[in-house]
């Protein structure tokens, strides 16, 4: 496991389309087969929807969590989208959690 942090800011990659949804699911699913994993994944903005309302991504994130990857969803974002009570994987995080992880990791990958 690396010290890297993965920052996911949307529930799609690229445009909001079926392709964008397939790309983010493919990216997360492929991460399971990589030889190195990030230490943590932080879901911000629409990225929190991956842990609350998309059953396919929820299952993938649960698999990643079983591999030891810590999953955090932004509390402010969850509240803004009205989905705080729907969180199905990971923990509720805040700005301090995110900043500490980013500063400690030395390397962050942002999507």
Protein backbone atom coordinates (compact mmCIF):
# COMPACT_ATOMS: atom_id res chain seq x y z
CA UNK A 1 0.00 0.00 0.00
CA UNK A 2 1.33 3.42 -0.92
CA UNK A 3 0.95 6.65 1.04
CA UNK A 4 -0.90 8.23 -1.87
CA UNK A 5 -4.33 9.74 -1.52
CA UNK A 6 -6.92 9.50 -4.26
CA UNK A 7 -9.24 12.52 -4.44
CA UNK A 8 -12.44 11.92 -6.42
CA UNK A 9 -14.47 15.07 -7.04
CA UNK A 10 -17.22 13.77 -9.32
CA UNK A 11 -19.33 10.68 -9.92
CA UNK A 12 -18.16 10.58 -13.54
CA UNK A 13 -14.90 11.02 -15.42
CA UNK A 14 -15.23 13.72 -18.03
CA UNK A 15 -18.69 14.66 -19.21
CA UNK A 16 -21.87 13.79 -17.33
CA UNK A 17 -22.93 10.92 -19.58
CA UNK A 18 -23.23 7.16 -19.66
CA UNK A 19 -19.61 7.04 -20.83
CA UNK A 20 -18.48 9.22 -17.90
CA UNK A 21 -20.24 6.85 -15.49
CA UNK A 22 -18.67 3.79 -17.13
CA UNK A 23 -15.23 5.39 -16.93
CA UNK A 24 -15.37 6.09 -13.18
CA UNK A 25 -16.70 2.59 -12.47
CA UNK A 26 -14.00 1.08 -14.67
CA UNK A 27 -11.32 3.16 -12.97
CA UNK A 28 -12.41 2.13 -9.48
CA UNK A 29 -12.84 -1.51 -10.48
CA UNK A 30 -9.40 -1.63 -12.09
CA UNK A 31 -7.87 -0.24 -8.92
CA UNK A 32 -8.75 -3.54 -7.22
CA UNK A 33 -6.33 -5.40 -9.50
CA UNK A 34 -3.41 -2.98 -9.18
CA UNK A 35 -0.26 -4.05 -7.39
CA UNK A 36 -0.23 -0.87 -5.26
CA UNK A 37 -3.21 0.77 -3.61
CA UNK A 38 -3.70 4.29 -2.32
CA UNK A 39 -3.82 4.65 1.44
CA UNK A 40 -7.12 6.51 1.24
CA UNK A 41 -9.84 7.70 -1.11
CA UNK A 42 -11.60 10.99 -0.41
CA UNK A 43 -14.92 11.64 -2.12
CA UNK A 44 -15.75 15.31 -2.55
CA UNK A 45 -18.53 17.25 -4.27
CA UNK A 46 -20.53 14.88 -6.54
CA UNK A 47 -17.99 12.16 -5.76
CA UNK A 48 -19.91 11.43 -2.55
CA UNK A 49 -22.74 10.06 -4.70
CA UNK A 50 -20.48 7.09 -5.47
CA UNK A 51 -20.81 6.01 -1.83
CA UNK A 52 -24.50 6.79 -1.41
CA UNK A 53 -26.64 6.29 -4.50
CA UNK A 54 -24.83 4.18 -7.10
CA UNK A 55 -25.07 0.50 -6.16
CA UNK A 56 -22.33 -0.51 -8.63
CA UNK A 57 -19.81 1.95 -7.21
CA UNK A 58 -20.84 1.14 -3.63
CA UNK A 59 -19.95 -2.53 -4.17
CA UNK A 60 -16.60 -1.61 -5.73
CA UNK A 61 -15.80 0.80 -2.88
CA UNK A 62 -16.68 -1.91 -0.34
CA UNK A 63 -14.21 -4.24 -2.09
CA UNK A 64 -11.54 -1.53 -1.97
CA UNK A 65 -12.24 -0.96 1.72
CA UNK A 66 -11.73 -4.70 2.34
CA UNK A 67 -8.28 -4.30 0.76
CA UNK A 68 -7.43 -1.81 3.53
CA UNK A 69 -8.09 1.42 1.65
CA UNK A 70 -9.75 4.03 3.86
CA UNK A 71 -12.79 5.66 2.22
CA UNK A 72 -14.01 9.09 3.35
CA UNK A 73 -16.96 11.14 2.09
CA UNK A 74 -17.08 14.89 2.69
CA UNK A 75 -19.70 15.70 5.34
CA UNK A 76 -20.49 19.12 3.88
CA UNK A 77 -20.99 17.55 0.45
CA UNK A 78 -23.18 14.76 1.82
CA UNK A 79 -25.34 17.32 3.61
CA UNK A 80 -25.48 19.59 0.55
CA UNK A 81 -26.81 16.75 -1.62
CA UNK A 82 -29.13 15.56 1.16
CA UNK A 83 -27.57 12.09 1.23
CA UNK A 84 -25.78 12.00 4.60
CA UNK A 85 -28.15 9.30 5.87
CA UNK A 86 -27.57 7.24 2.70
CA UNK A 87 -23.82 6.69 3.16
CA UNK A 88 -23.25 2.97 2.59
CA UNK A 89 -19.47 2.63 2.56
CA UNK A 90 -16.60 4.33 4.33
CA UNK A 91 -16.76 7.09 6.90
CA UNK A 92 -17.88 10.68 7.00
CA UNK A 93 -14.85 12.94 6.66
CA UNK A 94 -14.22 16.64 7.01
CA UNK A 95 -11.81 19.27 5.73
CA UNK A 96 -9.26 18.46 8.45
CA UNK A 97 -9.25 14.75 7.52
CA UNK A 98 -8.79 15.62 3.85
CA UNK A 99 -6.03 18.17 4.41
CA UNK A 100 -4.09 15.93 6.79
CA UNK A 101 -4.23 13.03 4.34
CA UNK A 102 -3.13 15.22 1.45
CA UNK A 103 -0.26 16.75 3.43
CA UNK A 104 0.91 13.40 4.83
CA UNK A 105 0.72 11.58 1.51
CA UNK A 106 3.13 13.79 -0.38
CA UNK A 107 1.36 12.60 -3.52
CA UNK A 108 -2.30 12.97 -4.33
CA UNK A 109 -4.11 11.86 -7.45
CA UNK A 110 -7.14 13.96 -8.29
CA UNK A 111 -10.03 12.95 -10.54
